[in-house]
Every structure is written in structure tokens, then in C-alpha cells.
């Protein structure tokens, strides 16, 4: 459970224009930057470079914070930081990203890059399969208790007002929701964390004298104990 400022667990976006004429334009289809990587454009989205059934591999370069928060409702995302330092805000708290970080963002988690210290380069895997961090098949490869962490709750920013945009990604389409308050700050978390982060320097390879062992696997599809992406994509109505 996520506790938001004001005591509510979550708040719904404003009504669509056809529900309330006073809120016309508050929910709309939007055009996002795509096709090339524009690192200086705060509205740029990651670019898909590889795509298969239920999975895509995307790249992102960014030297400016995003002007919106993003929520992928149909896919889990695994972000790998190739280079750069930035602050990642989620609705479960914040993470300060560094090179070598892997960040698991399950579907429907809202996130945004709120500040960039040095230009951020990422590879992002988006998959319809539900991913779980599961190194138990390769003991000694990653110490979950020591080297895996989660976002830290953040207080409500002071003095910020105006429109806050959340972009909902559903397949190849995007829809913007606008709020008159910042929906991201989180005061307190209850229960097991679902956003997880570890760094590649803390992943230890297996020494093998002879061939025959596969590389260690850290992420499994929850339903199958397999890392293959075979689960049909979820649907929303």
C-alpha cells in the first residue's frame, strides 16, 4: 500500500471532457517525440530498437528532466543505466541512479526523471511477462539482502503548484492525464517493495573450468520459472 499526502491511498485523475464540460481537454491523446533520440527534448520517449512478441528493447538518452510522469500499464520495464547520474521518482519513492544500475519497474508503476546530473543513457526492456527478481537458481551470484534496494519515500515538495502530467502508455498509444497536484510524492510504504534496484558490480559470475553451464539468470517470469517472454499481454478495458 502506498500512502500519499493527505492520507489517501490514491486519487483518481480528473474526469474526461465528456463527463464534465468544465474539465475539457484534461484527458487527451498526445503526440510524443519518437523516431530519433533527442536527448535535450524533455518530452522525448525511449526509442524501440528491437521488438518481438510481447517484448521490446528500447534506448534512451537524456540530459534534461522529463516534463511528465510515465506509467506503462501493459508491460513490466527493466531499466539498465549505461552511463550518467539522475534522480528517478516513482510513486513508491525516489532512487538516485548511477551507472550499472538495474531498476525493475512493474507495470502500472508511475515514474519520472526529476533531475539529471550527468547525461543519462539507458537500455529498457519492456515485456508483457510479469518479471520477478529471482536469483535463487544461482546462489552466490547476487546477495538480495545486501545489494538489492528499493525507492525511499519522499515528502511532498514545497511551493509547487500548477498542472502535473501523467502519460499512460498502453501498447503503442499514449494518453495524458492532468492533475492540479503532484501525484508522485509518497510519505510511507507498507508491505513488500515491488520496485527493486541493484548494480551490475554486485553481480558475481560463476567460475567454470569446463563449458556446459548457462549464464546465471536473475529475472524470471513469475508464472513459468522461465526467463522467456511467452505470457500473452494483459488487456485493459
C-alpha atoms as a PDB file:
ATOM      1  CA  UNK A   1       0.000   0.000   0.000  1.00  0.00           C
ATOM      2  CA  UNK A   2       1.221   3.491  -0.793  1.00  0.00           C
ATOM      3  CA  UNK A   3       0.274   6.380   1.454  1.00  0.00           C
ATOM      4  CA  UNK A   4       0.073   9.705  -0.357  1.00  0.00           C
ATOM      5  CA  UNK A   5      -0.021  13.212   1.119  1.00  0.00           C
ATOM      6  CA  UNK A   6      -3.444  13.968   2.556  1.00  0.00           C
ATOM      7  CA  UNK A   7      -3.960  10.411   3.812  1.00  0.00           C
ATOM      8  CA  UNK A   8      -5.425   8.943   0.612  1.00  0.00           C
ATOM      9  CA  UNK A   9      -4.028   5.712  -0.772  1.00  0.00           C
ATOM     10  CA  UNK A  10      -4.569   7.003  -4.309  1.00  0.00           C
ATOM     11  CA  UNK A  11      -6.587   9.647  -6.090  1.00  0.00           C
ATOM     12  CA  UNK A  12      -8.277   9.384  -9.474  1.00  0.00           C
ATOM     13  CA  UNK A  13      -7.415  11.725 -12.325  1.00  0.00           C
ATOM     14  CA  UNK A  14      -9.795  14.462 -13.335  1.00  0.00           C
ATOM     15  CA  UNK A  15     -12.873  13.467 -15.293  1.00  0.00           C
ATOM     16  CA  UNK A  16     -12.831  13.209 -19.045  1.00  0.00           C
ATOM     17  CA  UNK A  17     -14.197  16.074 -21.092  1.00  0.00           C
ATOM     18  CA  UNK A  18     -17.423  14.230 -21.942  1.00  0.00           C
ATOM     19  CA  UNK A  19     -18.096  13.698 -18.216  1.00  0.00           C
ATOM     20  CA  UNK A  20     -17.570  17.268 -17.109  1.00  0.00           C
ATOM     21  CA  UNK A  21     -17.509  20.179 -19.584  1.00  0.00           C
ATOM     22  CA  UNK A  22     -15.507  22.247 -17.132  1.00  0.00           C
ATOM     23  CA  UNK A  23     -12.609  19.803 -17.486  1.00  0.00           C
ATOM     24  CA  UNK A  24     -12.447  19.779 -21.283  1.00  0.00           C
ATOM     25  CA  UNK A  25      -9.027  18.772 -22.539  1.00  0.00           C
ATOM     26  CA  UNK A  26      -7.856  17.379 -19.201  1.00  0.00           C
ATOM     27  CA  UNK A  27      -7.589  13.877 -20.652  1.00  0.00           C
ATOM     28  CA  UNK A  28      -6.397  13.640 -24.221  1.00  0.00           C
ATOM     29  CA  UNK A  29      -4.365  11.708 -26.762  1.00  0.00           C
ATOM     30  CA  UNK A  30      -0.946  13.273 -27.118  1.00  0.00           C
ATOM     31  CA  UNK A  31       1.875  13.297 -29.624  1.00  0.00           C
ATOM     32  CA  UNK A  32       5.216  12.327 -28.120  1.00  0.00           C
ATOM     33  CA  UNK A  33       8.653  12.683 -29.703  1.00  0.00           C
ATOM     34  CA  UNK A  34       9.687   9.460 -31.429  1.00  0.00           C
ATOM     35  CA  UNK A  35      11.817   8.208 -34.294  1.00  0.00           C
ATOM     36  CA  UNK A  36      15.112   9.754 -33.153  1.00  0.00           C
ATOM     37  CA  UNK A  37      16.775  10.182 -29.790  1.00  0.00           C
ATOM     38  CA  UNK A  38      16.536  13.838 -28.807  1.00  0.00           C
ATOM     39  CA  UNK A  39      18.471  13.922 -25.575  1.00  0.00           C
ATOM     40  CA  UNK A  40      17.741  17.615 -24.977  1.00  0.00           C
ATOM     41  CA  UNK A  41      13.974  17.314 -25.522  1.00  0.00           C
ATOM     42  CA  UNK A  42      12.259  16.856 -22.140  1.00  0.00           C
ATOM     43  CA  UNK A  43       9.263  15.247 -23.907  1.00  0.00           C
ATOM     44  CA  UNK A  44      11.317  12.614 -25.737  1.00  0.00           C
ATOM     45  CA  UNK A  45      10.384   8.960 -25.222  1.00  0.00           C
ATOM     46  CA  UNK A  46      12.676   5.913 -25.427  1.00  0.00           C
ATOM     47  CA  UNK A  47      13.169   4.565 -28.949  1.00  0.00           C
ATOM     48  CA  UNK A  48      12.430   0.905 -29.739  1.00  0.00           C
ATOM     49  CA  UNK A  49      15.392  -0.768 -31.457  1.00  0.00           C
ATOM     50  CA  UNK A  50      14.318  -4.430 -31.172  1.00  0.00           C
ATOM     51  CA  UNK A  51      10.821  -5.855 -30.906  1.00  0.00           C
ATOM     52  CA  UNK A  52       9.286  -9.323 -30.590  1.00  0.00           C
ATOM     53  CA  UNK A  53       6.031 -10.846 -29.447  1.00  0.00           C
ATOM     54  CA  UNK A  54       5.278  -9.248 -26.085  1.00  0.00           C
ATOM     55  CA  UNK A  55       8.752  -7.706 -25.642  1.00  0.00           C
ATOM     56  CA  UNK A  56      10.703  -4.679 -26.841  1.00  0.00           C
ATOM     57  CA  UNK A  57      14.228  -3.349 -26.277  1.00  0.00           C
ATOM     58  CA  UNK A  58      14.437   0.444 -26.148  1.00  0.00           C
ATOM     59  CA  UNK A  59      17.182   3.040 -25.768  1.00  0.00           C
ATOM     60  CA  UNK A  60      17.065   6.440 -24.096  1.00  0.00           C
ATOM     61  CA  UNK A  61      19.445   9.397 -23.831  1.00  0.00           C
ATOM     62  CA  UNK A  62      18.501  12.306 -21.620  1.00  0.00           C
ATOM     63  CA  UNK A  63      20.195  15.409 -20.286  1.00  0.00           C
ATOM     64  CA  UNK A  64      17.005  17.164 -19.190  1.00  0.00           C
ATOM     65  CA  UNK A  65      14.360  16.091 -16.648  1.00  0.00           C
ATOM     66  CA  UNK A  66      11.080  14.823 -18.055  1.00  0.00           C
ATOM     67  CA  UNK A  67       8.168  17.252 -18.074  1.00  0.00           C
ATOM     68  CA  UNK A  68       5.754  14.425 -17.259  1.00  0.00           C
ATOM     69  CA  UNK A  69       5.496  11.160 -15.364  1.00  0.00           C
ATOM     70  CA  UNK A  70       5.116   7.899 -17.302  1.00  0.00           C
ATOM     71  CA  UNK A  71       3.057   4.802 -16.463  1.00  0.00           C
ATOM     72  CA  UNK A  72       3.218   1.653 -18.605  1.00  0.00           C
ATOM     73  CA  UNK A  73       0.006  -0.256 -17.873  1.00  0.00           C
ATOM     74  CA  UNK A  74       0.613  -3.244 -20.174  1.00  0.00           C
ATOM     75  CA  UNK A  75       4.243  -4.168 -19.535  1.00  0.00           C
ATOM     76  CA  UNK A  76       6.888  -4.548 -16.863  1.00  0.00           C
ATOM     77  CA  UNK A  77      10.023  -2.489 -17.525  1.00  0.00           C
ATOM     78  CA  UNK A  78      13.650  -3.277 -16.692  1.00  0.00           C
ATOM     79  CA  UNK A  79      15.921  -0.215 -16.944  1.00  0.00           C
ATOM     80  CA  UNK A  80      19.701  -0.621 -17.236  1.00  0.00           C
ATOM     81  CA  UNK A  81      21.778   2.542 -16.744  1.00  0.00           C
ATOM     82  CA  UNK A  82      24.707   2.536 -19.159  1.00  0.00           C
ATOM     83  CA  UNK A  83      26.017   5.954 -18.138  1.00  0.00           C
ATOM     84  CA  UNK A  84      25.020   9.049 -16.235  1.00  0.00           C
ATOM     85  CA  UNK A  85      23.525  10.082 -12.918  1.00  0.00           C
ATOM     86  CA  UNK A  86      19.927  11.137 -12.352  1.00  0.00           C
ATOM     87  CA  UNK A  87      17.104  11.055  -9.820  1.00  0.00           C
ATOM     88  CA  UNK A  88      14.235   8.697 -10.588  1.00  0.00           C
ATOM     89  CA  UNK A  89      10.968   9.487  -8.831  1.00  0.00           C
ATOM     90  CA  UNK A  90       8.331   6.761  -8.554  1.00  0.00           C
ATOM     91  CA  UNK A  91       5.044   6.599  -6.709  1.00  0.00           C
ATOM     92  CA  UNK A  92       6.892   4.346  -4.247  1.00  0.00           C
ATOM     93  CA  UNK A  93       9.680   6.861  -3.557  1.00  0.00           C
ATOM     94  CA  UNK A  94      12.930   8.011  -5.172  1.00  0.00           C
ATOM     95  CA  UNK A  95      16.164   6.401  -6.390  1.00  0.00           C
ATOM     96  CA  UNK A  96      19.412   8.157  -7.283  1.00  0.00           C
ATOM     97  CA  UNK A  97      20.576   6.358 -10.420  1.00  0.00           C
ATOM     98  CA  UNK A  98      24.207   5.576 -11.172  1.00  0.00           C
ATOM     99  CA  UNK A  99      25.980   3.694 -13.983  1.00  0.00           C
ATOM    100  CA  UNK A 100      25.445  -0.056 -13.828  1.00  0.00           C
ATOM    101  CA  UNK A 101      22.058   0.103 -12.086  1.00  0.00           C
ATOM    102  CA  UNK A 102      19.266  -2.299 -12.980  1.00  0.00           C
ATOM    103  CA  UNK A 103      15.829  -0.997 -11.955  1.00  0.00           C
ATOM    104  CA  UNK A 104      12.746  -3.219 -12.122  1.00  0.00           C
ATOM    105  CA  UNK A 105       9.550  -1.180 -12.632  1.00  0.00           C
ATOM    106  CA  UNK A 106       6.469  -3.429 -12.657  1.00  0.00           C
ATOM    107  CA  UNK A 107       3.507  -2.441 -14.828  1.00  0.00           C
ATOM    108  CA  UNK A 108       1.338   0.454 -13.648  1.00  0.00           C
ATOM    109  CA  UNK A 109       4.161   1.994 -11.586  1.00  0.00           C
ATOM    110  CA  UNK A 110       4.393   5.728 -12.292  1.00  0.00           C
ATOM    111  CA  UNK A 111       7.859   7.231 -12.667  1.00  0.00           C
ATOM    112  CA  UNK A 112       9.719  10.275 -13.958  1.00  0.00           C
ATOM    113  CA  UNK A 113      13.280  11.576 -14.174  1.00  0.00           C
ATOM    114  CA  UNK A 114      13.175  14.665 -11.973  1.00  0.00           C
ATOM    115  CA  UNK A 115      16.803  15.755 -12.294  1.00  0.00           C
ATOM    116  CA  UNK A 116      19.835  14.823 -14.419  1.00  0.00           C
ATOM    117  CA  UNK A 117      23.341  15.389 -13.047  1.00  0.00           C
ATOM    118  CA  UNK A 118      25.238  13.893 -15.989  1.00  0.00           C
ATOM    119  CA  UNK A 119      23.712  12.759 -19.280  1.00  0.00           C
ATOM    120  CA  UNK A 120      21.657   9.614 -18.730  1.00  0.00           C
ATOM    121  CA  UNK A 121      21.959   6.649 -21.126  1.00  0.00           C
ATOM    122  CA  UNK A 122      19.603   3.694 -20.598  1.00  0.00           C
ATOM    123  CA  UNK A 123      18.603   0.410 -22.184  1.00  0.00           C
ATOM    124  CA  UNK A 124      14.999  -0.511 -21.327  1.00  0.00           C
ATOM    125  CA  UNK A 125      13.379  -3.919 -21.741  1.00  0.00           C
ATOM    126  CA  UNK A 126       9.561  -3.773 -21.731  1.00  0.00           C
ATOM    127  CA  UNK A 127       7.802  -7.122 -21.514  1.00  0.00           C
ATOM    128  CA  UNK A 128       4.235  -8.356 -21.235  1.00  0.00           C
ATOM    129  CA  UNK A 129       5.515 -11.085 -18.900  1.00  0.00           C
ATOM    130  CA  UNK A 130       5.481 -10.272 -15.203  1.00  0.00           C
ATOM    131  CA  UNK A 131       9.132 -10.166 -14.121  1.00  0.00           C
ATOM    132  CA  UNK A 132      10.416 -11.117 -10.678  1.00  0.00           C
ATOM    133  CA  UNK A 133      13.906 -10.712  -9.244  1.00  0.00           C
ATOM    134  CA  UNK A 134      14.771 -14.334  -8.512  1.00  0.00           C
ATOM    135  CA  UNK A 135      18.477 -15.226  -8.148  1.00  0.00           C
ATOM    136  CA  UNK A 136      17.786 -18.352  -6.072  1.00  0.00           C
ATOM    137  CA  UNK A 137      18.611 -20.609  -9.037  1.00  0.00           C
ATOM    138  CA  UNK A 138      22.177 -19.251  -8.933  1.00  0.00           C
ATOM    139  CA  UNK A 139      23.209 -18.942  -5.255  1.00  0.00           C
ATOM    140  CA  UNK A 140      26.123 -16.598  -4.639  1.00  0.00           C
ATOM    141  CA  UNK A 141      25.519 -14.552  -7.770  1.00  0.00           C
ATOM    142  CA  UNK A 142      23.579 -11.720  -6.054  1.00  0.00           C
ATOM    143  CA  UNK A 143      23.028 -11.107  -2.359  1.00  0.00           C
ATOM    144  CA  UNK A 144      19.464  -9.790  -2.298  1.00  0.00           C
ATOM    145  CA  UNK A 145      19.567  -8.771   1.356  1.00  0.00           C
ATOM    146  CA  UNK A 146      22.787  -6.799   0.954  1.00  0.00           C
ATOM    147  CA  UNK A 147      22.791  -5.463  -2.598  1.00  0.00           C
ATOM    148  CA  UNK A 148      19.149  -5.008  -3.639  1.00  0.00           C
ATOM    149  CA  UNK A 149      17.359  -1.856  -2.523  1.00  0.00           C
ATOM    150  CA  UNK A 150      14.099  -0.011  -3.177  1.00  0.00           C
ATOM    151  CA  UNK A 151      12.948   3.599  -3.522  1.00  0.00           C
ATOM    152  CA  UNK A 152      12.975   5.807  -0.444  1.00  0.00           C
ATOM    153  CA  UNK A 153       9.699   7.650   0.333  1.00  0.00           C
ATOM    154  CA  UNK A 154       9.873  11.376  -0.277  1.00  0.00           C
ATOM    155  CA  UNK A 155       7.910  14.209   1.329  1.00  0.00           C
ATOM    156  CA  UNK A 156       5.573  16.445  -0.574  1.00  0.00           C
ATOM    157  CA  UNK A 157       7.554  19.135  -2.457  1.00  0.00           C
ATOM    158  CA  UNK A 158       7.029  22.601  -1.012  1.00  0.00           C
ATOM    159  CA  UNK A 159       5.837  25.500  -3.101  1.00  0.00           C
ATOM    160  CA  UNK A 160       4.980  23.558  -6.261  1.00  0.00           C
ATOM    161  CA  UNK A 161       1.679  24.270  -7.958  1.00  0.00           C
ATOM    162  CA  UNK A 162       0.115  24.017 -11.386  1.00  0.00           C
ATOM    163  CA  UNK A 163      -0.625  21.222 -13.826  1.00  0.00           C
ATOM    164  CA  UNK A 164       1.111  17.849 -13.419  1.00  0.00           C
ATOM    165  CA  UNK A 165       1.002  15.483 -16.370  1.00  0.00           C
ATOM    166  CA  UNK A 166       0.969  11.677 -16.188  1.00  0.00           C
ATOM    167  CA  UNK A 167       1.349   9.900 -19.529  1.00  0.00           C
ATOM    168  CA  UNK A 168      -0.303   6.474 -19.669  1.00  0.00           C
ATOM    169  CA  UNK A 169       1.427   4.114 -22.073  1.00  0.00           C
ATOM    170  CA  UNK A 170      -0.886   1.388 -23.387  1.00  0.00           C
ATOM    171  CA  UNK A 171       0.825  -0.513 -26.171  1.00  0.00           C
ATOM    172  CA  UNK A 172       1.794   1.887 -28.951  1.00  0.00           C
ATOM    173  CA  UNK A 173      -0.571   4.626 -27.781  1.00  0.00           C
ATOM    174  CA  UNK A 174      -0.283   7.272 -25.098  1.00  0.00           C
ATOM    175  CA  UNK A 175      -2.885   9.230 -23.145  1.00  0.00           C
ATOM    176  CA  UNK A 176      -2.202  12.231 -20.892  1.00  0.00           C
ATOM    177  CA  UNK A 177      -3.905  12.840 -17.549  1.00  0.00           C
ATOM    178  CA  UNK A 178      -3.513  16.211 -15.858  1.00  0.00           C
ATOM    179  CA  UNK A 179      -3.645  16.836 -12.103  1.00  0.00           C
ATOM    180  CA  UNK A 180      -3.754  20.087 -10.156  1.00  0.00           C
ATOM    181  CA  UNK A 181      -1.495  18.496  -7.528  1.00  0.00           C
ATOM    182  CA  UNK A 182       1.707  16.453  -7.790  1.00  0.00           C
ATOM    183  CA  UNK A 183       0.630  12.760  -7.641  1.00  0.00           C
ATOM    184  CA  UNK A 184       4.156  11.407  -7.108  1.00  0.00           C
ATOM    185  CA  UNK A 185       5.240  12.178  -3.503  1.00  0.00           C
ATOM    186  CA  UNK A 186       4.960   9.241  -1.083  1.00  0.00           C
ATOM    187  CA  UNK A 187       5.029   9.604   2.690  1.00  0.00           C
ATOM    188  CA  UNK A 188       5.138   5.978   3.780  1.00  0.00           C
ATOM    189  CA  UNK A 189       5.142   2.432   2.390  1.00  0.00           C
ATOM    190  CA  UNK A 190       3.529  -0.638   3.907  1.00  0.00           C
ATOM    191  CA  UNK A 191       4.289  -4.139   2.646  1.00  0.00           C
ATOM    192  CA  UNK A 192       6.980  -5.658   0.476  1.00  0.00           C
ATOM    193  CA  UNK A 193       8.571  -3.349  -2.112  1.00  0.00           C
ATOM    194  CA  UNK A 194       7.893  -4.024  -5.775  1.00  0.00           C
ATOM    195  CA  UNK A 195      10.341  -1.554  -7.354  1.00  0.00           C
ATOM    196  CA  UNK A 196      13.813  -3.118  -6.979  1.00  0.00           C
ATOM    197  CA  UNK A 197      17.318  -1.884  -7.847  1.00  0.00           C
ATOM    198  CA  UNK A 198      20.756  -3.480  -7.883  1.00  0.00           C
ATOM    199  CA  UNK A 199      24.079  -2.673  -9.565  1.00  0.00           C
ATOM    200  CA  UNK A 200      25.980  -4.845 -12.005  1.00  0.00           C
ATOM    201  CA  UNK A 201      29.147  -4.562  -9.899  1.00  0.00           C
ATOM    202  CA  UNK A 202      27.382  -6.586  -7.191  1.00  0.00           C
ATOM    203  CA  UNK A 203      26.557  -9.461  -9.557  1.00  0.00           C
ATOM    204  CA  UNK A 204      29.219 -12.168  -9.343  1.00  0.00           C
ATOM    205  CA  UNK A 205      29.828 -14.577 -12.200  1.00  0.00           C
ATOM    206  CA  UNK A 206      30.240 -18.309 -11.776  1.00  0.00           C
ATOM    207  CA  UNK A 207      33.719 -19.779 -12.298  1.00  0.00           C
ATOM    208  CA  UNK A 208      33.587 -22.783 -14.613  1.00  0.00           C
ATOM    209  CA  UNK A 209      36.552 -24.979 -15.513  1.00  0.00           C
ATOM    210  CA  UNK A 210      34.739 -26.609 -18.415  1.00  0.00           C
ATOM    211  CA  UNK A 211      31.867 -25.484 -20.624  1.00  0.00           C
ATOM    212  CA  UNK A 212      28.280 -26.540 -20.173  1.00  0.00           C
ATOM    213  CA  UNK A 213      26.807 -24.070 -17.658  1.00  0.00           C
ATOM    214  CA  UNK A 214      24.445 -21.354 -18.798  1.00  0.00           C
ATOM    215  CA  UNK A 215      24.985 -17.788 -17.517  1.00  0.00           C
ATOM    216  CA  UNK A 216      23.209 -17.084 -14.202  1.00  0.00           C
ATOM    217  CA  UNK A 217      19.622 -15.881 -14.505  1.00  0.00           C
ATOM    218  CA  UNK A 218      18.411 -13.155 -12.169  1.00  0.00           C
ATOM    219  CA  UNK A 219      14.971 -12.380 -13.612  1.00  0.00           C
ATOM    220  CA  UNK A 220      12.260 -14.980 -14.138  1.00  0.00           C
ATOM    221  CA  UNK A 221       8.740 -14.763 -15.464  1.00  0.00           C
ATOM    222  CA  UNK A 222       6.634 -15.253 -12.328  1.00  0.00           C
ATOM    223  CA  UNK A 223       4.209 -17.638 -13.958  1.00  0.00           C
ATOM    224  CA  UNK A 224       6.673 -20.064 -15.522  1.00  0.00           C
ATOM    225  CA  UNK A 225      10.033 -20.093 -13.699  1.00  0.00           C
ATOM    226  CA  UNK A 226      11.467 -19.197 -17.087  1.00  0.00           C
ATOM    227  CA  UNK A 227      13.013 -16.064 -18.484  1.00  0.00           C
ATOM    228  CA  UNK A 228      11.296 -16.484 -21.858  1.00  0.00           C
ATOM    229  CA  UNK A 229       8.592 -13.952 -22.674  1.00  0.00           C
ATOM    230  CA  UNK A 230       5.680 -16.195 -23.634  1.00  0.00           C
ATOM    231  CA  UNK A 231       2.841 -14.888 -21.472  1.00  0.00           C
ATOM    232  CA  UNK A 232       0.130 -13.131 -23.541  1.00  0.00           C
ATOM    233  CA  UNK A 233      -0.067  -9.378 -22.905  1.00  0.00           C
ATOM    234  CA  UNK A 234      -2.548  -8.130 -20.341  1.00  0.00           C
ATOM    235  CA  UNK A 235      -5.599  -6.230 -21.524  1.00  0.00           C
ATOM    236  CA  UNK A 236      -7.407  -3.184 -20.230  1.00  0.00           C
ATOM    237  CA  UNK A 237     -10.988  -2.173 -20.967  1.00  0.00           C
END
